[in-house]
Amino acid sequence: MAIFEPEADCAEEQPELNLRENRVVLELNKILEFWLDKGVDGFRVDAVSELFEDPAYLNITNKKQDLPYTYELIEKWRKLLDDYAVAKGTDAKILIPQIWNAPLADLMAYYESSDKTQRAQVPMNFMLINELTNSSGAADVKRVIDNYLKALPDGAIANWFVSICVTLRDKITIITMSI
């Protein structure tokens, strides 16, 4: 599923869904259950940090992403997947949200809520791509990794992306060579 903002470089036929509308969420839940019934073990949710827009935040730089509603929806989907696994007697189902360029605290909030309720097992971590540049050295790579690991909730799964289709090849090459 992909949710896009109107100003994004996306095709007109790609939908922008109103996830504040309960009927839309219920339909998406049915789609998740359809695929679970087909045997999938989990979902990667693209552009999750942009699932919601809030007019109150539109003029605040970098605050129209990772809104509270987004975390609530991820938490609900985590519960849906967990309840499904219990009801069907299957292994746990995985939830992998793709979060591009989120500050560390926002990224960690995708793992669990402040009351330690689990959200996603593996929020995609692009910190190496987003925080390093062509002039970054080994100390910079270590700083990014150390900060991430220090913030990681107990028992959470660490992950590192060093490539994605929308990044510059020279930046990826430098990052990959630095690790």
Foldseek 3Di string as FASTA:
>chain_A
DDADDPVDPDDPPDDHDDPVDVVVLVVVLVVVVVVVVVPAQEDEAEPLQQNDADPVCPVPPPPRGLDPVSLVSLLVVQVSQVVVCVVVVHDGGFYEYEDPPDPLVSQQVCQDHPVRRGGGQHHADAQLLNVDALPDALVSVVVSVVVNVVSHPPPGDDDYDLDDPPGDPSSSVSSVVRD
